[in-house]
Amino acid sequence: KSVNYTMRTIHSIGVIKKTLGDILSKLYEEGHRKFYILGASDLAGLIEMALKEKYDDTFELVHVEEITPVLEDGVVLICREDVAAQVPGVKTVDMIHELAKDEALISERSAA
């Protein structure tokens, strides 16, 4: 039983990483090269891994504690749940919300 659980967990991580890669690819194709990560979490680590695997060193990644107007030169990737305030002129992507919309992850969770 624990082997099955472990295998499902590993598969889920792969699905999450692919979804993150898709989201980041879209932003990269739009010309974004500077990303700010708001929130220290496992999700932030997966985002960093996905960026490095796909784009090597052709991007800049900075960890921040809050969204401020000075971040308008990049995209803030929100990786925690308690962020409600938006700052005019600052592009943000709620990564948890984006993952929650992914059909592959939804079907993955219902199969568990």
N, C-alpha and C. Protein backbone atom coordinates (compact mmCIF):
# COMPACT_ATOMS: atom_id res chain seq x y z
N LYS A 1 0.82 -1.19 0.00
CA LYS A 1 0.00 0.00 0.00
C LYS A 1 0.87 1.26 0.00
N SER A 2 1.92 1.29 0.82
CA SER A 2 2.76 2.49 0.88
C SER A 2 3.56 2.67 -0.41
N VAL A 3 3.87 1.57 -1.11
CA VAL A 3 4.56 1.68 -2.40
C VAL A 3 3.64 2.36 -3.42
N ASN A 4 2.36 1.98 -3.43
CA ASN A 4 1.40 2.61 -4.34
C ASN A 4 1.26 4.09 -4.04
N TYR A 5 1.17 4.43 -2.77
CA TYR A 5 1.07 5.83 -2.37
C TYR A 5 2.30 6.61 -2.81
N THR A 6 3.46 6.03 -2.61
CA THR A 6 4.71 6.68 -3.01
C THR A 6 4.75 6.89 -4.52
N MET A 7 4.33 5.90 -5.27
CA MET A 7 4.33 6.01 -6.74
C MET A 7 3.34 7.08 -7.20
N ARG A 8 2.17 7.14 -6.58
CA ARG A 8 1.19 8.18 -6.94
C ARG A 8 1.74 9.57 -6.61
N THR A 9 2.42 9.68 -5.47
CA THR A 9 3.00 10.96 -5.08
C THR A 9 4.06 11.40 -6.09
N ILE A 10 4.92 10.49 -6.48
CA ILE A 10 5.96 10.81 -7.47
C ILE A 10 5.33 11.22 -8.79
N HIS A 11 4.30 10.50 -9.19
CA HIS A 11 3.60 10.85 -10.44
C HIS A 11 2.97 12.24 -10.33
N SER A 12 2.36 12.53 -9.18
CA SER A 12 1.73 13.84 -8.98
C SER A 12 2.75 14.96 -9.06
N ILE A 13 3.92 14.74 -8.48
CA ILE A 13 4.97 15.76 -8.56
C ILE A 13 5.35 16.01 -10.01
N GLY A 14 5.44 14.94 -10.80
CA GLY A 14 5.74 15.09 -12.22
C GLY A 14 4.68 15.89 -12.95
N VAL A 15 3.41 15.64 -12.64
CA VAL A 15 2.30 16.38 -13.27
C VAL A 15 2.36 17.84 -12.86
N ILE A 16 2.63 18.10 -11.59
CA ILE A 16 2.74 19.48 -11.11
C ILE A 16 3.89 20.20 -11.80
N LYS A 17 5.02 19.52 -11.91
CA LYS A 17 6.19 20.13 -12.55
C LYS A 17 5.91 20.45 -14.02
N LYS A 18 5.21 19.56 -14.71
CA LYS A 18 4.86 19.82 -16.11
C LYS A 18 3.93 21.03 -16.22
N THR A 19 2.94 21.09 -15.35
CA THR A 19 2.00 22.21 -15.36
C THR A 19 2.73 23.53 -15.07
N LEU A 20 3.63 23.51 -14.09
CA LEU A 20 4.43 24.71 -13.81
C LEU A 20 5.25 25.10 -15.03
N GLY A 21 5.85 24.11 -15.68
CA GLY A 21 6.63 24.37 -16.89
C GLY A 21 5.79 25.03 -17.98
N ASP A 22 4.55 24.57 -18.13
CA ASP A 22 3.65 25.16 -19.13
C ASP A 22 3.34 26.62 -18.80
N ILE A 23 3.05 26.89 -17.53
CA ILE A 23 2.74 28.26 -17.10
C ILE A 23 3.96 29.16 -17.31
N LEU A 24 5.13 28.68 -16.90
CA LEU A 24 6.35 29.47 -17.03
C LEU A 24 6.74 29.67 -18.49
N SER A 25 6.51 28.66 -19.33
CA SER A 25 6.81 28.78 -20.76
C SER A 25 5.99 29.89 -21.40
N LYS A 26 4.72 29.96 -21.03
CA LYS A 26 3.86 31.01 -21.57
C LYS A 26 4.40 32.39 -21.19
N LEU A 27 4.78 32.55 -19.93
CA LEU A 27 5.34 33.83 -19.48
C LEU A 27 6.65 34.13 -20.19
N TYR A 28 7.48 33.12 -20.36
CA TYR A 28 8.77 33.29 -21.02
C TYR A 28 8.56 33.69 -22.48
N GLU A 29 7.61 33.04 -23.15
CA GLU A 29 7.30 33.37 -24.54
C GLU A 29 6.76 34.78 -24.69
N GLU A 30 6.12 35.29 -23.63
CA GLU A 30 5.63 36.67 -23.63
C GLU A 30 6.77 37.67 -23.44
N GLY A 31 7.97 37.15 -23.19
CA GLY A 31 9.13 38.02 -23.05
C GLY A 31 9.61 38.26 -21.63
N HIS A 32 8.96 37.65 -20.68
CA HIS A 32 9.35 37.84 -19.28
C HIS A 32 10.61 37.05 -18.98
N ARG A 33 11.58 37.70 -18.33
CA ARG A 33 12.83 37.05 -17.95
C ARG A 33 13.16 37.25 -16.48
N LYS A 34 12.40 38.10 -15.82
CA LYS A 34 12.64 38.35 -14.40
C LYS A 34 11.40 37.88 -13.63
N PHE A 35 11.64 36.99 -12.67
CA PHE A 35 10.56 36.43 -11.88
C PHE A 35 10.83 36.63 -10.41
N TYR A 36 9.80 37.03 -9.70
CA TYR A 36 9.87 37.19 -8.25
C TYR A 36 9.01 36.09 -7.63
N ILE A 37 9.56 35.36 -6.68
CA ILE A 37 8.79 34.34 -5.99
C ILE A 37 8.38 34.89 -4.63
N LEU A 38 7.07 34.91 -4.40
CA LEU A 38 6.51 35.35 -3.13
C LEU A 38 6.05 34.11 -2.37
N GLY A 39 6.76 33.79 -1.30
CA GLY A 39 6.41 32.62 -0.50
C GLY A 39 7.49 31.56 -0.56
N ALA A 40 7.96 31.17 0.59
CA ALA A 40 8.96 30.10 0.67
C ALA A 40 8.22 28.79 0.91
N SER A 41 8.16 27.96 -0.10
CA SER A 41 7.42 26.71 0.01
C SER A 41 8.02 25.68 -0.93
N ASP A 42 7.51 24.46 -0.84
CA ASP A 42 7.94 23.42 -1.77
C ASP A 42 7.59 23.82 -3.20
N LEU A 43 6.46 24.51 -3.35
CA LEU A 43 6.05 24.98 -4.67
C LEU A 43 7.09 25.93 -5.25
N ALA A 44 7.61 26.82 -4.43
CA ALA A 44 8.65 27.75 -4.88
C ALA A 44 9.88 26.98 -5.37
N GLY A 45 10.23 25.93 -4.65
CA GLY A 45 11.36 25.09 -5.06
C GLY A 45 11.12 24.40 -6.39
N LEU A 46 9.90 23.92 -6.61
CA LEU A 46 9.56 23.28 -7.89
C LEU A 46 9.59 24.28 -9.04
N ILE A 47 9.15 25.50 -8.78
CA ILE A 47 9.19 26.55 -9.80
C ILE A 47 10.64 26.84 -10.18
N GLU A 48 11.48 26.99 -9.19
CA GLU A 48 12.89 27.26 -9.45
C GLU A 48 13.51 26.12 -10.26
N MET A 49 13.19 24.89 -9.91
CA MET A 49 13.71 23.73 -10.62
C MET A 49 13.22 23.72 -12.07
N ALA A 50 11.94 24.01 -12.28
CA ALA A 50 11.38 24.01 -13.63
C ALA A 50 12.03 25.08 -14.49
N LEU A 51 12.24 26.27 -13.93
CA LEU A 51 12.89 27.34 -14.68
C LEU A 51 14.32 26.96 -15.06
N LYS A 52 15.07 26.42 -14.11
CA LYS A 52 16.47 26.07 -14.38
C LYS A 52 16.58 24.96 -15.42
N GLU A 53 15.70 23.97 -15.35
CA GLU A 53 15.74 22.87 -16.31
C GLU A 53 15.42 23.35 -17.73
N LYS A 54 14.47 24.25 -17.82
CA LYS A 54 13.99 24.67 -19.14
C LYS A 54 14.80 25.83 -19.74
N TYR A 55 15.24 26.75 -18.91
CA TYR A 55 15.84 27.98 -19.42
C TYR A 55 17.25 28.25 -18.92
N ASP A 56 17.84 27.30 -18.25
CA ASP A 56 19.22 27.40 -17.79
C ASP A 56 19.44 28.71 -17.04
N ASP A 57 20.28 29.59 -17.54
CA ASP A 57 20.56 30.85 -16.85
C ASP A 57 20.07 32.07 -17.62
N THR A 58 19.01 31.91 -18.42
CA THR A 58 18.51 33.02 -19.23
C THR A 58 17.36 33.76 -18.55
N PHE A 59 17.29 33.68 -17.24
CA PHE A 59 16.24 34.35 -16.49
C PHE A 59 16.83 34.81 -15.15
N GLU A 60 16.11 35.68 -14.48
CA GLU A 60 16.51 36.11 -13.15
C GLU A 60 15.40 35.74 -12.17
N LEU A 61 15.77 35.20 -11.04
CA LEU A 61 14.80 34.76 -10.03
C LEU A 61 15.16 35.38 -8.69
N VAL A 62 14.19 36.07 -8.08
CA VAL A 62 14.42 36.75 -6.82
C VAL A 62 13.30 36.37 -5.86
N HIS A 63 13.64 36.00 -4.64
CA HIS A 63 12.64 35.73 -3.61
C HIS A 63 12.30 37.03 -2.90
N VAL A 64 11.00 37.29 -2.73
CA VAL A 64 10.55 38.52 -2.07
C VAL A 64 9.56 38.18 -0.96
N GLU A 65 9.37 39.15 -0.06
CA GLU A 65 8.47 38.96 1.08
C GLU A 65 7.11 39.62 0.88
N GLU A 66 7.05 40.59 -0.06
CA GLU A 66 5.79 41.29 -0.31
C GLU A 66 5.78 41.85 -1.72
N ILE A 67 4.59 42.19 -2.19
CA ILE A 67 4.46 42.79 -3.52
C ILE A 67 4.52 44.30 -3.36
N THR A 68 5.46 44.93 -4.05
CA THR A 68 5.61 46.38 -4.01
C THR A 68 5.74 46.90 -5.44
N PRO A 69 5.51 48.20 -5.66
CA PRO A 69 5.59 48.75 -7.01
C PRO A 69 6.95 48.54 -7.69
N VAL A 70 8.02 48.39 -6.91
CA VAL A 70 9.35 48.23 -7.49
C VAL A 70 9.46 46.91 -8.28
N LEU A 71 8.53 46.00 -8.09
CA LEU A 71 8.56 44.70 -8.77
C LEU A 71 7.95 44.74 -10.17
N GLU A 72 7.62 45.93 -10.66
CA GLU A 72 6.95 46.04 -11.95
C GLU A 72 7.82 45.61 -13.13
N ASP A 73 9.11 45.40 -12.90
CA ASP A 73 9.99 44.99 -14.00
C ASP A 73 10.00 43.47 -14.20
N GLY A 74 9.16 42.75 -13.47
CA GLY A 74 9.11 41.30 -13.62
C GLY A 74 7.71 40.77 -13.33
N VAL A 75 7.63 39.47 -13.13
CA VAL A 75 6.37 38.81 -12.81
C VAL A 75 6.49 38.22 -11.42
N VAL A 76 5.51 38.52 -10.56
CA VAL A 76 5.50 37.95 -9.22
C VAL A 76 4.73 36.64 -9.27
N LEU A 77 5.41 35.56 -8.92
CA LEU A 77 4.81 34.24 -8.86
C LEU A 77 4.41 33.98 -7.41
N ILE A 78 3.12 34.03 -7.14
CA ILE A 78 2.62 33.91 -5.78
C ILE A 78 2.54 32.43 -5.41
N CYS A 79 3.24 32.06 -4.34
CA CYS A 79 3.34 30.66 -3.92
C CYS A 79 2.86 30.45 -2.50
N ARG A 80 1.93 31.25 -2.08
CA ARG A 80 1.31 31.06 -0.77
C ARG A 80 -0.13 31.53 -0.84
N GLU A 81 -0.91 31.12 0.14
CA GLU A 81 -2.36 31.33 0.08
C GLU A 81 -2.85 32.67 0.61
N ASP A 82 -2.09 33.33 1.43
CA ASP A 82 -2.60 34.49 2.15
C ASP A 82 -2.35 35.83 1.47
N VAL A 83 -2.26 35.83 0.14
CA VAL A 83 -1.96 37.07 -0.59
C VAL A 83 -3.23 37.55 -1.29
N ALA A 84 -3.71 38.72 -0.88
CA ALA A 84 -4.92 39.26 -1.49
C ALA A 84 -4.65 40.58 -2.20
N ALA A 85 -3.72 41.35 -1.70
CA ALA A 85 -3.48 42.69 -2.24
C ALA A 85 -2.78 42.64 -3.59
N GLN A 86 -3.30 43.40 -4.53
CA GLN A 86 -2.66 43.56 -5.82
C GLN A 86 -2.10 44.98 -5.89
N VAL A 87 -0.97 45.12 -6.54
CA VAL A 87 -0.35 46.43 -6.69
C VAL A 87 -0.47 46.83 -8.16
N PRO A 88 -1.06 48.00 -8.44
CA PRO A 88 -1.20 48.43 -9.84
C PRO A 88 0.15 48.44 -10.57
N GLY A 89 0.16 47.91 -11.78
CA GLY A 89 1.37 47.90 -12.60
C GLY A 89 2.27 46.69 -12.38
N VAL A 90 1.95 45.85 -11.39
CA VAL A 90 2.77 44.67 -11.11
C VAL A 90 2.02 43.43 -11.58
N LYS A 91 2.62 42.71 -12.52
CA LYS A 91 2.01 41.47 -13.03
C LYS A 91 2.22 40.37 -12.00
N THR A 92 1.14 39.70 -11.63
CA THR A 92 1.22 38.60 -10.69
C THR A 92 0.55 37.36 -11.27
N VAL A 93 1.03 36.20 -10.86
CA VAL A 93 0.39 34.93 -11.20
C VAL A 93 0.28 34.13 -9.92
N ASP A 94 -0.96 33.81 -9.55
CA ASP A 94 -1.19 32.99 -8.37
C ASP A 94 -0.98 31.54 -8.76
N MET A 95 0.18 31.01 -8.45
CA MET A 95 0.57 29.68 -8.92
C MET A 95 -0.30 28.59 -8.31
N ILE A 96 -0.74 28.75 -7.08
CA ILE A 96 -1.61 27.76 -6.45
C ILE A 96 -2.95 27.71 -7.19
N HIS A 97 -3.49 28.88 -7.50
CA HIS A 97 -4.75 28.97 -8.24
C HIS A 97 -4.60 28.35 -9.63
N GLU A 98 -3.50 28.64 -10.30
CA GLU A 98 -3.27 28.08 -11.64
C GLU A 98 -3.16 26.56 -11.60
N LEU A 99 -2.48 26.02 -10.61
CA LEU A 99 -2.39 24.57 -10.47
C LEU A 99 -3.76 23.96 -10.19
N ALA A 100 -4.57 24.65 -9.40
CA ALA A 100 -5.89 24.14 -9.05
C ALA A 100 -6.81 24.05 -10.27
N LYS A 101 -6.54 24.84 -11.29
CA LYS A 101 -7.36 24.81 -12.51
C LYS A 101 -6.97 23.69 -13.46
N ASP A 102 -5.83 23.04 -13.23
CA ASP A 102 -5.31 22.05 -14.17
C ASP A 102 -6.11 20.74 -14.09
N GLU A 103 -6.69 20.35 -15.22
CA GLU A 103 -7.51 19.14 -15.30
C GLU A 103 -6.72 17.87 -14.95
N ALA A 104 -5.46 17.80 -15.37
CA ALA A 104 -4.65 16.61 -15.09
C ALA A 104 -4.46 16.43 -13.59
N LEU A 105 -4.28 17.54 -12.88
CA LEU A 105 -4.12 17.44 -11.43
C LEU A 105 -5.43 17.10 -10.75
N ILE A 106 -6.53 17.63 -11.27
CA ILE A 106 -7.83 17.33 -10.69
C ILE A 106 -8.13 15.84 -10.83
N SER A 107 -7.90 15.28 -12.00
CA SER A 107 -8.16 13.86 -12.19
C SER A 107 -7.17 13.02 -11.39
N GLU A 108 -5.96 13.52 -11.20
CA GLU A 108 -4.94 12.83 -10.39
C GLU A 108 -5.41 12.72 -8.94
N ARG A 109 -5.98 13.81 -8.41
CA ARG A 109 -6.43 13.80 -7.03
C ARG A 109 -7.65 12.91 -6.83
N SER A 110 -8.55 12.90 -7.81
CA SER A 110 -9.75 12.08 -7.64
C SER A 110 -9.46 10.60 -7.81
N ALA A 111 -8.33 10.27 -8.46
CA ALA A 111 -7.94 8.87 -8.62
C ALA A 111 -7.28 8.34 -7.35
N ALA A 112 -6.81 9.25 -6.51
CA ALA A 112 -6.08 8.83 -5.29
C ALA A 112 -7.00 8.26 -4.23
